[in-house]
Every structure is written in C-alpha cells, then in structure tokens.
Amino acid sequence: MKLFYAVTLTIGIFLFQLSHASADEVLSQAEDTTAGAAFGAGTGVLIGGAAGGPLGAIIGAALGIFGGREVQKAAGLEERAYAVRSNTGEERVVRSPRKEFAIGQEVEVKGNRMHAPSPQ
C-alpha cells in the first residue's frame, strides 16, 4: 500500500511540474488593429473591384488593410494584444481583446487566445 501512495505522489509531483513548465510568460503589451484591417480589406475589395475589376480589387484590398488599421488607430479603438514567450523561447503576439494581463504573468495560450492558468 505504501508503494501505491509513493507512486501516486511521484506522478502527481511530476504532472504538477510539467503543467507549470508549459506556462507562457507575458513580455509586453502591443496594439492590435486586426479588426480595422479586416474591415478595410473588405471595403477595399468592393470599391477597387467596382472601379478596376479584379486587379482593382486586389489593389483596393491591399490599400484597405493599411487604411483600416490607421483609421482604427486614429479613432483610438485599438484592441489589446500581448507579446508572449513560450517555454521553448518562441515569441509571438496573441490577441486578448477582453481580458487584461500583467507583464511577467504566466498564461496559457490556447489557439490564438490567452487564458489565466487553470488551477491544478
């Protein structure tokens, strides 16, 4: 019976360390203008396509991406995004429009969103 408890405790400690080793760390806050870029690209495709056909649609989408981002910035409607470093050292920007995180906080990245680490 003691062996069972020792094995269970060892596995539990291993899983606890493994879960904490996989946490990502917030490095800095960044601005996110994805919504403005998407809206601008859609508008640019429609206007460019009407004015210049297929080539106009491509050019309009490219210009719309940049214009949409700038309009979103000028309006002060940037969303939150964070630069995050994984436990392997990889850095990437992850959107978090609704939740706010602190610099240095450990987080879990699931898909393209961040979450506070779930309690173990």
PDB file of N, CA and C in Angstrom:
ATOM      1  N   MET A   1       0.817  -1.194   0.000  1.00  0.00           N
ATOM      2  CA  MET A   1       0.000   0.000   0.000  1.00  0.00           C
ATOM      3  C   MET A   1       0.860   1.257   0.000  1.00  0.00           C
ATOM      4  N   LYS A   2       1.993   1.211   0.747  1.00  0.00           N
ATOM      5  CA  LYS A   2       2.888   2.360   0.780  1.00  0.00           C
ATOM      6  C   LYS A   2       3.468   2.625  -0.595  1.00  0.00           C
ATOM      7  N   LEU A   3       3.729   1.568  -1.341  1.00  0.00           N
ATOM      8  CA  LEU A   3       4.267   1.731  -2.694  1.00  0.00           C
ATOM      9  C   LEU A   3       3.256   2.459  -3.580  1.00  0.00           C
ATOM     10  N   PHE A   4       1.976   2.139  -3.433  1.00  0.00           N
ATOM     11  CA  PHE A   4       0.924   2.796  -4.208  1.00  0.00           C
ATOM     12  C   PHE A   4       0.910   4.296  -3.927  1.00  0.00           C
ATOM     13  N   TYR A   5       0.989   4.678  -2.649  1.00  0.00           N
ATOM     14  CA  TYR A   5       0.989   6.094  -2.290  1.00  0.00           C
ATOM     15  C   TYR A   5       2.247   6.804  -2.803  1.00  0.00           C
ATOM     16  N   ALA A   6       3.387   6.120  -2.733  1.00  0.00           N
ATOM     17  CA  ALA A   6       4.631   6.719  -3.205  1.00  0.00           C
ATOM     18  C   ALA A   6       4.579   6.953  -4.712  1.00  0.00           C
ATOM     19  N   VAL A   7       4.053   5.992  -5.461  1.00  0.00           N
ATOM     20  CA  VAL A   7       3.944   6.133  -6.918  1.00  0.00           C
ATOM     21  C   VAL A   7       2.943   7.234  -7.262  1.00  0.00           C
ATOM     22  N   THR A   8       1.834   7.263  -6.571  1.00  0.00           N
ATOM     23  CA  THR A   8       0.815   8.283  -6.821  1.00  0.00           C
ATOM     24  C   THR A   8       1.366   9.678  -6.532  1.00  0.00           C
ATOM     25  N   LEU A   9       2.088   9.824  -5.433  1.00  0.00           N
ATOM     26  CA  LEU A   9       2.681  11.109  -5.083  1.00  0.00           C
ATOM     27  C   LEU A   9       3.723  11.526  -6.118  1.00  0.00           C
ATOM     28  N   THR A  10       4.541  10.593  -6.559  1.00  0.00           N
ATOM     29  CA  THR A  10       5.567  10.893  -7.563  1.00  0.00           C
ATOM     30  C   THR A  10       4.940  11.335  -8.869  1.00  0.00           C
ATOM     31  N   ILE A  11       3.926  10.649  -9.315  1.00  0.00           N
ATOM     32  CA  ILE A  11       3.229  11.027 -10.553  1.00  0.00           C
ATOM     33  C   ILE A  11       2.572  12.392 -10.397  1.00  0.00           C
ATOM     34  N   GLY A  12       1.966  12.640  -9.253  1.00  0.00           N
ATOM     35  CA  GLY A  12       1.328  13.939  -9.006  1.00  0.00           C
ATOM     36  C   GLY A  12       2.326  15.082  -9.045  1.00  0.00           C
ATOM     37  N   ILE A  13       3.476  14.897  -8.418  1.00  0.00           N
ATOM     38  CA  ILE A  13       4.510  15.943  -8.429  1.00  0.00           C
ATOM     39  C   ILE A  13       5.020  16.157  -9.851  1.00  0.00           C
ATOM     40  N   PHE A  14       5.227  15.081 -10.586  1.00  0.00           N
ATOM     41  CA  PHE A  14       5.700  15.186 -11.971  1.00  0.00           C
ATOM     42  C   PHE A  14       4.691  15.961 -12.828  1.00  0.00           C
ATOM     43  N   LEU A  15       3.422  15.629 -12.710  1.00  0.00           N
ATOM     44  CA  LEU A  15       2.403  16.324 -13.501  1.00  0.00           C
ATOM     45  C   LEU A  15       2.287  17.788 -13.101  1.00  0.00           C
ATOM     46  N   PHE A  16       2.444  18.087 -11.821  1.00  0.00           N
ATOM     47  CA  PHE A  16       2.400  19.469 -11.359  1.00  0.00           C
ATOM     48  C   PHE A  16       3.545  20.268 -11.969  1.00  0.00           C
ATOM     49  N   GLN A  17       4.756  19.715 -11.940  1.00  0.00           N
ATOM     50  CA  GLN A  17       5.901  20.397 -12.528  1.00  0.00           C
ATOM     51  C   GLN A  17       5.752  20.532 -14.028  1.00  0.00           C
ATOM     52  N   LEU A  18       5.222  19.516 -14.671  1.00  0.00           N
ATOM     53  CA  LEU A  18       5.025  19.553 -16.112  1.00  0.00           C
ATOM     54  C   LEU A  18       4.037  20.644 -16.501  1.00  0.00           C
ATOM     55  N   SER A  19       2.967  20.792 -15.726  1.00  0.00           N
ATOM     56  CA  SER A  19       1.971  21.817 -16.047  1.00  0.00           C
ATOM     57  C   SER A  19       2.542  23.218 -15.863  1.00  0.00           C
ATOM     58  N   HIS A  20       3.399  23.414 -14.872  1.00  0.00           N
ATOM     59  CA  HIS A  20       3.987  24.736 -14.662  1.00  0.00           C
ATOM     60  C   HIS A  20       5.119  25.015 -15.639  1.00  0.00           C
ATOM     61  N   ALA A  21       5.746  23.989 -16.144  1.00  0.00           N
ATOM     62  CA  ALA A  21       6.822  24.184 -17.105  1.00  0.00           C
ATOM     63  C   ALA A  21       6.282  24.625 -18.459  1.00  0.00           C
ATOM     64  N   SER A  22       5.010  24.351 -18.724  1.00  0.00           N
ATOM     65  CA  SER A  22       4.447  24.691 -20.024  1.00  0.00           C
ATOM     66  C   SER A  22       3.780  26.062 -20.043  1.00  0.00           C
ATOM     67  N   ALA A  23       3.889  26.811 -18.954  1.00  0.00           N
ATOM     68  CA  ALA A  23       3.271  28.130 -18.906  1.00  0.00           C
ATOM     69  C   ALA A  23       4.053  29.109 -19.777  1.00  0.00           C
ATOM     70  N   ASP A  24       3.322  30.001 -20.415  1.00  0.00           N
ATOM     71  CA  ASP A  24       3.919  31.055 -21.219  1.00  0.00           C
ATOM     72  C   ASP A  24       3.993  32.321 -20.377  1.00  0.00           C
ATOM     73  N   GLU A  25       4.861  33.247 -20.762  1.00  0.00           N
ATOM     74  CA  GLU A  25       5.061  34.472 -19.991  1.00  0.00           C
ATOM     75  C   GLU A  25       4.755  35.692 -20.850  1.00  0.00           C
ATOM     76  N   VAL A  26       4.001  36.638 -20.276  1.00  0.00           N
ATOM     77  CA  VAL A  26       3.679  37.884 -20.970  1.00  0.00           C
ATOM     78  C   VAL A  26       4.909  38.788 -20.926  1.00  0.00           C
ATOM     79  N   LEU A  27       5.379  39.215 -22.107  1.00  0.00           N
ATOM     80  CA  LEU A  27       6.556  40.083 -22.192  1.00  0.00           C
ATOM     81  C   LEU A  27       6.180  41.554 -22.233  1.00  0.00           C
ATOM     82  N   SER A  28       5.189  41.901 -23.042  1.00  0.00           N
ATOM     83  CA  SER A  28       4.790  43.307 -23.174  1.00  0.00           C
ATOM     84  C   SER A  28       3.401  43.385 -23.787  1.00  0.00           C
ATOM     85  N   GLN A  29       2.816  44.560 -23.695  1.00  0.00           N
ATOM     86  CA  GLN A  29       1.521  44.803 -24.313  1.00  0.00           C
ATOM     87  C   GLN A  29       1.745  45.413 -25.689  1.00  0.00           C
ATOM     88  N   ALA A  30       0.946  45.019 -26.653  1.00  0.00           N
ATOM     89  CA  ALA A  30       1.046  45.536 -28.016  1.00  0.00           C
ATOM     90  C   ALA A  30      -0.347  45.960 -28.465  1.00  0.00           C
ATOM     91  N   GLU A  31      -0.396  46.731 -29.531  1.00  0.00           N
ATOM     92  CA  GLU A  31      -1.702  47.143 -30.052  1.00  0.00           C
ATOM     93  C   GLU A  31      -2.148  46.142 -31.115  1.00  0.00           C
ATOM     94  N   ASP A  32      -3.433  45.996 -31.244  1.00  0.00           N
ATOM     95  CA  ASP A  32      -3.995  45.077 -32.220  1.00  0.00           C
ATOM     96  C   ASP A  32      -4.997  45.829 -33.084  1.00  0.00           C
ATOM     97  N   THR A  33      -4.756  45.852 -34.372  1.00  0.00           N
ATOM     98  CA  THR A  33      -5.650  46.544 -35.299  1.00  0.00           C
ATOM     99  C   THR A  33      -6.195  45.573 -36.343  1.00  0.00           C
ATOM    100  N   THR A  34      -6.380  44.323 -35.950  1.00  0.00           N
ATOM    101  CA  THR A  34      -6.869  43.300 -36.867  1.00  0.00           C
ATOM    102  C   THR A  34      -8.270  43.624 -37.374  1.00  0.00           C
ATOM    103  N   ALA A  35      -9.123  44.108 -36.498  1.00  0.00           N
ATOM    104  CA  ALA A  35     -10.499  44.406 -36.909  1.00  0.00           C
ATOM    105  C   ALA A  35     -10.534  45.511 -37.962  1.00  0.00           C
ATOM    106  N   GLY A  36      -9.731  46.559 -37.774  1.00  0.00           N
ATOM    107  CA  GLY A  36      -9.666  47.644 -38.752  1.00  0.00           C
ATOM    108  C   GLY A  36      -9.114  47.171 -40.083  1.00  0.00           C
ATOM    109  N   ALA A  37      -8.099  46.300 -40.033  1.00  0.00           N
ATOM    110  CA  ALA A  37      -7.517  45.768 -41.265  1.00  0.00           C
ATOM    111  C   ALA A  37      -8.527  44.917 -42.024  1.00  0.00           C
ATOM    112  N   ALA A  38      -9.280  44.094 -41.305  1.00  0.00           N
ATOM    113  CA  ALA A  38     -10.278  43.245 -41.959  1.00  0.00           C
ATOM    114  C   ALA A  38     -11.392  44.082 -42.588  1.00  0.00           C
ATOM    115  N   PHE A  39     -11.867  45.079 -41.856  1.00  0.00           N
ATOM    116  CA  PHE A  39     -12.917  45.939 -42.397  1.00  0.00           C
ATOM    117  C   PHE A  39     -12.399  46.719 -43.604  1.00  0.00           C
ATOM    118  N   GLY A  40     -11.177  47.237 -43.503  1.00  0.00           N
ATOM    119  CA  GLY A  40     -10.588  47.983 -44.607  1.00  0.00           C
ATOM    120  C   GLY A  40     -10.366  47.120 -45.837  1.00  0.00           C
ATOM    121  N   ALA A  41      -9.927  45.882 -45.644  1.00  0.00           N
ATOM    122  CA  ALA A  41      -9.710  44.979 -46.775  1.00  0.00           C
ATOM    123  C   ALA A  41     -11.022  44.673 -47.484  1.00  0.00           C
ATOM    124  N   GLY A  42     -12.075  44.418 -46.711  1.00  0.00           N
ATOM    125  CA  GLY A  42     -13.381  44.141 -47.321  1.00  0.00           C
ATOM    126  C   GLY A  42     -13.915  45.326 -48.102  1.00  0.00           C
ATOM    127  N   THR A  43     -13.798  46.494 -47.514  1.00  0.00           N
ATOM    128  CA  THR A  43     -14.250  47.704 -48.198  1.00  0.00           C
ATOM    129  C   THR A  43     -13.402  47.968 -49.435  1.00  0.00           C
ATOM    130  N   GLY A  44     -12.083  47.781 -49.303  1.00  0.00           N
ATOM    131  CA  GLY A  44     -11.181  47.996 -50.435  1.00  0.00           C
ATOM    132  C   GLY A  44     -11.444  47.057 -51.592  1.00  0.00           C
ATOM    133  N   VAL A  45     -11.788  45.810 -51.303  1.00  0.00           N
ATOM    134  CA  VAL A  45     -12.118  44.842 -52.366  1.00  0.00           C
ATOM    135  C   VAL A  45     -13.348  45.313 -53.134  1.00  0.00           C
ATOM    136  N   LEU A  46     -14.353  45.753 -52.413  1.00  0.00           N
ATOM    137  CA  LEU A  46     -15.590  46.185 -53.071  1.00  0.00           C
ATOM    138  C   LEU A  46     -15.379  47.441 -53.918  1.00  0.00           C
ATOM    139  N   ILE A  47     -14.732  48.435 -53.348  1.00  0.00           N
ATOM    140  CA  ILE A  47     -14.525  49.680 -54.084  1.00  0.00           C
ATOM    141  C   ILE A  47     -13.542  49.467 -55.231  1.00  0.00           C
ATOM    142  N   GLY A  48     -12.433  48.774 -54.954  1.00  0.00           N
ATOM    143  CA  GLY A  48     -11.447  48.518 -56.004  1.00  0.00           C
ATOM    144  C   GLY A  48     -11.982  47.650 -57.113  1.00  0.00           C
ATOM    145  N   GLY A  49     -12.774  46.659 -56.755  1.00  0.00           N
ATOM    146  CA  GLY A  49     -13.377  45.780 -57.763  1.00  0.00           C
ATOM    147  C   GLY A  49     -14.363  46.515 -58.646  1.00  0.00           C
ATOM    148  N   ALA A  50     -15.138  47.419 -58.055  1.00  0.00           N
ATOM    149  CA  ALA A  50     -16.101  48.194 -58.842  1.00  0.00           C
ATOM    150  C   ALA A  50     -15.386  49.169 -59.775  1.00  0.00           C
ATOM    151  N   ALA A  51     -14.258  49.711 -59.306  1.00  0.00           N
ATOM    152  CA  ALA A  51     -13.551  50.711 -60.108  1.00  0.00           C
ATOM    153  C   ALA A  51     -12.605  50.095 -61.132  1.00  0.00           C
ATOM    154  N   GLY A  52     -11.976  48.967 -60.811  1.00  0.00           N
ATOM    155  CA  GLY A  52     -10.939  48.460 -61.699  1.00  0.00           C
ATOM    156  C   GLY A  52     -10.969  46.975 -61.963  1.00  0.00           C
ATOM    157  N   GLY A  53     -12.062  46.311 -61.670  1.00  0.00           N
ATOM    158  CA  GLY A  53     -12.144  44.878 -61.931  1.00  0.00           C
ATOM    159  C   GLY A  53     -11.297  44.074 -60.953  1.00  0.00           C
ATOM    160  N   PRO A  54     -10.873  42.879 -61.367  1.00  0.00           N
ATOM    161  CA  PRO A  54     -10.125  42.000 -60.459  1.00  0.00           C
ATOM    162  C   PRO A  54      -8.806  42.610 -59.952  1.00  0.00           C
ATOM    163  N   LEU A  55      -8.061  43.253 -60.819  1.00  0.00           N
ATOM    164  CA  LEU A  55      -6.813  43.878 -60.390  1.00  0.00           C
ATOM    165  C   LEU A  55      -7.097  45.020 -59.413  1.00  0.00           C
ATOM    166  N   GLY A  56      -8.148  45.782 -59.664  1.00  0.00           N
ATOM    167  CA  GLY A  56      -8.542  46.849 -58.755  1.00  0.00           C
ATOM    168  C   GLY A  56      -8.948  46.313 -57.395  1.00  0.00           C
ATOM    169  N   ALA A  57      -9.586  45.121 -57.391  1.00  0.00           N
ATOM    170  CA  ALA A  57      -9.995  44.516 -56.122  1.00  0.00           C
ATOM    171  C   ALA A  57      -8.772  44.152 -55.280  1.00  0.00           C
ATOM    172  N   ILE A  58      -7.734  43.626 -55.928  1.00  0.00           N
ATOM    173  CA  ILE A  58      -6.513  43.256 -55.199  1.00  0.00           C
ATOM    174  C   ILE A  58      -5.821  44.497 -54.651  1.00  0.00           C
ATOM    175  N   ILE A  59      -5.691  45.504 -55.481  1.00  0.00           N
ATOM    176  CA  ILE A  59      -5.051  46.748 -55.041  1.00  0.00           C
ATOM    177  C   ILE A  59      -5.885  47.424 -53.954  1.00  0.00           C
ATOM    178  N   GLY A  60      -7.200  47.430 -54.135  1.00  0.00           N
ATOM    179  CA  GLY A  60      -8.087  48.027 -53.137  1.00  0.00           C
ATOM    180  C   GLY A  60      -8.000  47.315 -51.802  1.00  0.00           C
ATOM    181  N   ALA A  61      -7.886  45.974 -51.817  1.00  0.00           N
ATOM    182  CA  ALA A  61      -7.764  45.214 -50.566  1.00  0.00           C
ATOM    183  C   ALA A  61      -6.467  45.566 -49.854  1.00  0.00           C
ATOM    184  N   ALA A  62      -5.361  45.658 -50.621  1.00  0.00           N
ATOM    185  CA  ALA A  62      -4.070  45.991 -50.014  1.00  0.00           C
ATOM    186  C   ALA A  62      -4.106  47.383 -49.389  1.00  0.00           C
ATOM    187  N   LEU A  63      -4.640  48.341 -50.119  1.00  0.00           N
ATOM    188  CA  LEU A  63      -4.738  49.696 -49.576  1.00  0.00           C
ATOM    189  C   LEU A  63      -5.720  49.757 -48.399  1.00  0.00           C
ATOM    190  N   GLY A  64      -6.786  48.981 -48.493  1.00  0.00           N
ATOM    191  CA  GLY A  64      -7.781  48.955 -47.416  1.00  0.00           C
ATOM    192  C   GLY A  64      -7.235  48.405 -46.115  1.00  0.00           C
ATOM    193  N   ILE A  65      -6.334  47.422 -46.194  1.00  0.00           N
ATOM    194  CA  ILE A  65      -5.727  46.874 -44.980  1.00  0.00           C
ATOM    195  C   ILE A  65      -4.993  47.976 -44.226  1.00  0.00           C
ATOM    196  N   PHE A  66      -4.136  48.702 -44.941  1.00  0.00           N
ATOM    197  CA  PHE A  66      -3.372  49.767 -44.292  1.00  0.00           C
ATOM    198  C   PHE A  66      -4.271  50.911 -43.837  1.00  0.00           C
ATOM    199  N   GLY A  67      -5.225  51.283 -44.678  1.00  0.00           N
ATOM    200  CA  GLY A  67      -6.139  52.360 -44.312  1.00  0.00           C
ATOM    201  C   GLY A  67      -7.000  52.006 -43.120  1.00  0.00           C
ATOM    202  N   GLY A  68      -7.492  50.781 -43.068  1.00  0.00           N
ATOM    203  CA  GLY A  68      -8.324  50.335 -41.952  1.00  0.00           C
ATOM    204  C   GLY A  68      -7.576  50.339 -40.637  1.00  0.00           C
ATOM    205  N   ARG A  69      -6.316  49.902 -40.669  1.00  0.00           N
ATOM    206  CA  ARG A  69      -5.504  49.929 -39.452  1.00  0.00           C
ATOM    207  C   ARG A  69      -5.297  51.361 -38.958  1.00  0.00           C
ATOM    208  N   GLU A  70      -4.997  52.260 -39.879  1.00  0.00           N
ATOM    209  CA  GLU A  70      -4.749  53.652 -39.494  1.00  0.00           C
ATOM    210  C   GLU A  70      -6.013  54.324 -38.960  1.00  0.00           C
ATOM    211  N   VAL A  71      -7.148  54.026 -39.566  1.00  0.00           N
ATOM    212  CA  VAL A  71      -8.411  54.597 -39.078  1.00  0.00           C
ATOM    213  C   VAL A  71      -8.708  54.081 -37.672  1.00  0.00           C
ATOM    214  N   GLN A  72      -8.477  52.789 -37.428  1.00  0.00           N
ATOM    215  CA  GLN A  72      -8.721  52.236 -36.101  1.00  0.00           C
ATOM    216  C   GLN A  72      -7.796  52.881 -35.068  1.00  0.00           C
ATOM    217  N   LYS A  73      -6.529  53.100 -35.424  1.00  0.00           N
ATOM    218  CA  LYS A  73      -5.599  53.772 -34.510  1.00  0.00           C
ATOM    219  C   LYS A  73      -6.036  55.212 -34.243  1.00  0.00           C
ATOM    220  N   ALA A  74      -6.383  55.941 -35.309  1.00  0.00           N
ATOM    221  CA  ALA A  74      -6.773  57.351 -35.171  1.00  0.00           C
ATOM    222  C   ALA A  74      -8.023  57.504 -34.315  1.00  0.00           C
ATOM    223  N   ALA A  75      -8.916  56.522 -34.394  1.00  0.00           N
ATOM    224  CA  ALA A  75     -10.136  56.581 -33.602  1.00  0.00           C
ATOM    225  C   ALA A  75      -9.910  56.130 -32.157  1.00  0.00           C
ATOM    226  N   GLY A  76      -8.714  55.621 -31.860  1.00  0.00           N
ATOM    227  CA  GLY A  76      -8.423  55.160 -30.502  1.00  0.00           C
ATOM    228  C   GLY A  76      -9.120  53.870 -30.151  1.00  0.00           C
ATOM    229  N   LEU A  77      -9.375  53.028 -31.145  1.00  0.00           N
ATOM    230  CA  LEU A  77     -10.116  51.794 -30.920  1.00  0.00           C
ATOM    231  C   LEU A  77      -9.242  50.544 -31.015  1.00  0.00           C
ATOM    232  N   GLU A  78      -7.918  50.700 -30.778  1.00  0.00           N
ATOM    233  CA  GLU A  78      -7.057  49.524 -30.813  1.00  0.00           C
ATOM    234  C   GLU A  78      -7.480  48.554 -29.724  1.00  0.00           C
ATOM    235  N   GLU A  79      -7.347  47.284 -30.022  1.00  0.00           N
ATOM    236  CA  GLU A  79      -7.621  46.263 -29.024  1.00  0.00           C
ATOM    237  C   GLU A  79      -6.308  45.842 -28.388  1.00  0.00           C
ATOM    238  N   ARG A  80      -6.396  45.064 -27.311  1.00  0.00           N
ATOM    239  CA  ARG A  80      -5.193  44.614 -26.621  1.00  0.00           C
ATOM    240  C   ARG A  80      -4.619  43.370 -27.268  1.00  0.00           C
ATOM    241  N   ALA A  81      -3.319  43.343 -27.308  1.00  0.00           N
ATOM    242  CA  ALA A  81      -2.580  42.148 -27.700  1.00  0.00           C
ATOM    243  C   ALA A  81      -1.327  42.123 -26.836  1.00  0.00           C
ATOM    244  N   TYR A  82      -0.748  40.958 -26.692  1.00  0.00           N
ATOM    245  CA  TYR A  82       0.426  40.823 -25.839  1.00  0.00           C
ATOM    246  C   TYR A  82       1.508  40.035 -26.560  1.00  0.00           C
ATOM    247  N   ALA A  83       2.752  40.450 -26.363  1.00  0.00           N
ATOM    248  CA  ALA A  83       3.894  39.656 -26.808  1.00  0.00           C
ATOM    249  C   ALA A  83       4.125  38.608 -25.728  1.00  0.00           C
ATOM    250  N   VAL A  84       4.139  37.339 -26.142  1.00  0.00           N
ATOM    251  CA  VAL A  84       4.214  36.223 -25.206  1.00  0.00           C
ATOM    252  C   VAL A  84       5.390  35.326 -25.593  1.00  0.00           C
ATOM    253  N   ARG A  85       6.135  34.861 -24.579  1.00  0.00           N
ATOM    254  CA  ARG A  85       7.233  33.916 -24.821  1.00  0.00           C
ATOM    255  C   ARG A  85       6.833  32.556 -24.266  1.00  0.00           C
ATOM    256  N   SER A  86       6.946  31.530 -25.105  1.00  0.00           N
ATOM    257  CA  SER A  86       6.623  30.174 -24.666  1.00  0.00           C
ATOM    258  C   SER A  86       7.798  29.590 -23.899  1.00  0.00           C
ATOM    259  N   ASN A  87       7.592  28.432 -23.312  1.00  0.00           N
ATOM    260  CA  ASN A  87       8.663  27.796 -22.552  1.00  0.00           C
ATOM    261  C   ASN A  87       9.793  27.316 -23.457  1.00  0.00           C
ATOM    262  N   THR A  88       9.576  27.267 -24.772  1.00  0.00           N
ATOM    263  CA  THR A  88      10.634  26.898 -25.711  1.00  0.00           C
ATOM    264  C   THR A  88      11.400  28.115 -26.207  1.00  0.00           C
ATOM    265  N   GLY A  89      11.010  29.318 -25.781  1.00  0.00           N
ATOM    266  CA  GLY A  89      11.695  30.535 -26.173  1.00  0.00           C
ATOM    267  C   GLY A  89      11.073  31.240 -27.369  1.00  0.00           C
ATOM    268  N   GLU A  90      10.050  30.652 -27.955  1.00  0.00           N
ATOM    269  CA  GLU A  90       9.374  31.258 -29.115  1.00  0.00           C
ATOM    270  C   GLU A  90       8.548  32.457 -28.655  1.00  0.00           C
ATOM    271  N   GLU A  91       8.668  33.569 -29.378  1.00  0.00           N
ATOM    272  CA  GLU A  91       7.886  34.762 -29.056  1.00  0.00           C
ATOM    273  C   GLU A  91       6.858  34.994 -30.149  1.00  0.00           C
ATOM    274  N   ARG A  92       5.645  35.385 -29.723  1.00  0.00           N
ATOM    275  CA  ARG A  92       4.583  35.709 -30.678  1.00  0.00           C
ATOM    276  C   ARG A  92       3.612  36.680 -30.038  1.00  0.00           C
ATOM    277  N   VAL A  93       2.800  37.296 -30.889  1.00  0.00           N
ATOM    278  CA  VAL A  93       1.797  38.249 -30.412  1.00  0.00           C
ATOM    279  C   VAL A  93       0.454  37.534 -30.377  1.00  0.00           C
ATOM    280  N   VAL A  94      -0.225  37.633 -29.244  1.00  0.00           N
ATOM    281  CA  VAL A  94      -1.509  36.958 -29.039  1.00  0.00           C
ATOM    282  C   VAL A  94      -2.547  38.005 -28.673  1.00  0.00           C
ATOM    283  N   ARG A  95      -3.707  37.958 -29.332  1.00  0.00           N
ATOM    284  CA  ARG A  95      -4.785  38.903 -29.059  1.00  0.00           C
ATOM    285  C   ARG A  95      -5.491  38.555 -27.758  1.00  0.00           C
ATOM    286  N   SER A  96      -5.927  39.583 -27.068  1.00  0.00           N
ATOM    287  CA  SER A  96      -6.732  39.414 -25.859  1.00  0.00           C
ATOM    288  C   SER A  96      -7.631  40.631 -25.704  1.00  0.00           C
ATOM    289  N   PRO A  97      -8.680  40.743 -26.526  1.00  0.00           N
ATOM    290  CA  PRO A  97      -9.493  41.956 -26.501  1.00  0.00           C
ATOM    291  C   PRO A  97     -10.298  42.161 -25.224  1.00  0.00           C
ATOM    292  N   ARG A  98     -10.608  41.108 -24.498  1.00  0.00           N
ATOM    293  CA  ARG A  98     -11.492  41.261 -23.335  1.00  0.00           C
ATOM    294  C   ARG A  98     -10.760  41.168 -21.991  1.00  0.00           C
ATOM    295  N   LYS A  99      -9.698  40.379 -21.931  1.00  0.00           N
ATOM    296  CA  LYS A  99      -9.008  40.180 -20.655  1.00  0.00           C
ATOM    297  C   LYS A  99      -7.694  40.943 -20.643  1.00  0.00           C
ATOM    298  N   GLU A 100      -7.344  41.426 -19.450  1.00  0.00           N
ATOM    299  CA  GLU A 100      -6.106  42.175 -19.285  1.00  0.00           C
ATOM    300  C   GLU A 100      -5.132  41.350 -18.457  1.00  0.00           C
ATOM    301  N   PHE A 101      -3.861  41.353 -18.858  1.00  0.00           N
ATOM    302  CA  PHE A 101      -2.825  40.586 -18.174  1.00  0.00           C
ATOM    303  C   PHE A 101      -1.674  41.512 -17.806  1.00  0.00           C
ATOM    304  N   ALA A 102      -0.908  41.129 -16.798  1.00  0.00           N
ATOM    305  CA  ALA A 102       0.229  41.933 -16.336  1.00  0.00           C
ATOM    306  C   ALA A 102       1.516  41.434 -17.000  1.00  0.00           C
ATOM    307  N   ILE A 103       2.454  42.340 -17.167  1.00  0.00           N
ATOM    308  CA  ILE A 103       3.759  41.972 -17.706  1.00  0.00           C
ATOM    309  C   ILE A 103       4.413  40.992 -16.725  1.00  0.00           C
ATOM    310  N   GLY A 104       4.947  39.893 -17.235  1.00  0.00           N
ATOM    311  CA  GLY A 104       5.577  38.878 -16.401  1.00  0.00           C
ATOM    312  C   GLY A 104       4.622  37.804 -15.908  1.00  0.00           C
ATOM    313  N   GLN A 105       3.327  37.966 -16.118  1.00  0.00           N
ATOM    314  CA  GLN A 105       2.338  36.993 -15.663  1.00  0.00           C
ATOM    315  C   GLN A 105       2.434  35.720 -16.487  1.00  0.00           C
ATOM    316  N   GLU A 106       2.253  34.574 -15.834  1.00  0.00           N
ATOM    317  CA  GLU A 106       2.212  33.300 -16.537  1.00  0.00           C
ATOM    318  C   GLU A 106       0.812  33.103 -17.089  1.00  0.00           C
ATOM    319  N   VAL A 107       0.728  32.689 -18.349  1.00  0.00           N
ATOM    320  CA  VAL A 107      -0.549  32.475 -19.023  1.00  0.00           C
ATOM    321  C   VAL A 107      -0.497  31.190 -19.819  1.00  0.00           C
ATOM    322  N   GLU A 108      -1.655  30.738 -20.242  1.00  0.00           N
ATOM    323  CA  GLU A 108      -1.765  29.599 -21.151  1.00  0.00           C
ATOM    324  C   GLU A 108      -2.314  30.123 -22.469  1.00  0.00           C
ATOM    325  N   VAL A 109      -1.670  29.762 -23.559  1.00  0.00           N
ATOM    326  CA  VAL A 109      -2.146  30.151 -24.872  1.00  0.00           C
ATOM    327  C   VAL A 109      -2.834  28.946 -25.484  1.00  0.00           C
ATOM    328  N   LYS A 110      -4.121  29.116 -25.778  1.00  0.00           N
ATOM    329  CA  LYS A 110      -4.917  28.056 -26.403  1.00  0.00           C
ATOM    330  C   LYS A 110      -5.429  28.603 -27.722  1.00  0.00           C
ATOM    331  N   GLY A 111      -4.931  28.051 -28.807  1.00  0.00           N
ATOM    332  CA  GLY A 111      -5.300  28.565 -30.119  1.00  0.00           C
ATOM    333  C   GLY A 111      -4.672  29.926 -30.305  1.00  0.00           C
ATOM    334  N   ASN A 112      -5.493  30.941 -30.509  1.00  0.00           N
ATOM    335  CA  ASN A 112      -4.966  32.302 -30.671  1.00  0.00           C
ATOM    336  C   ASN A 112      -5.419  33.217 -29.549  1.00  0.00           C
ATOM    337  N   ARG A 113      -5.767  32.644 -28.393  1.00  0.00           N
ATOM    338  CA  ARG A 113      -6.204  33.439 -27.226  1.00  0.00           C
ATOM    339  C   ARG A 113      -5.413  33.046 -25.985  1.00  0.00           C
ATOM    340  N   MET A 114      -5.292  34.011 -25.064  1.00  0.00           N
ATOM    341  CA  MET A 114      -4.609  33.767 -23.802  1.00  0.00           C
ATOM    342  C   MET A 114      -5.638  33.568 -22.704  1.00  0.00           C
ATOM    343  N   HIS A 115      -5.241  32.748 -21.740  1.00  0.00           N
ATOM    344  CA  HIS A 115      -6.080  32.494 -20.586  1.00  0.00           C
ATOM    345  C   HIS A 115      -5.196  32.447 -19.348  1.00  0.00           C
ATOM    346  N   ALA A 116      -5.753  32.789 -18.212  1.00  0.00           N
ATOM    347  CA  ALA A 116      -5.036  32.630 -16.963  1.00  0.00           C
ATOM    348  C   ALA A 116      -4.848  31.139 -16.728  1.00  0.00           C
ATOM    349  N   PRO A 117      -3.725  30.727 -16.164  1.00  0.00           N
ATOM    350  CA  PRO A 117      -3.506  29.294 -15.942  1.00  0.00           C
ATOM    351  C   PRO A 117      -4.602  28.703 -15.085  1.00  0.00           C
ATOM    352  N   SER A 118      -5.078  27.543 -15.463  1.00  0.00           N
ATOM    353  CA  SER A 118      -6.129  26.896 -14.681  1.00  0.00           C
ATOM    354  C   SER A 118      -5.517  26.318 -13.421  1.00  0.00           C
ATOM    355  N   PRO A 119      -6.223  26.448 -12.300  1.00  0.00           N
ATOM    356  CA  PRO A 119      -5.688  25.917 -11.026  1.00  0.00           C
ATOM    357  C   PRO A 119      -5.572  24.400 -11.093  1.00  0.00           C
ATOM    358  N   GLN A 120      -4.505  23.910 -10.535  1.00  0.00           N
ATOM    359  CA  GLN A 120      -4.241  22.457 -10.563  1.00  0.00           C
ATOM    360  C   GLN A 120      -4.768  21.799  -9.325  1.00  0.00           C
TER     361      GLN A 120
END
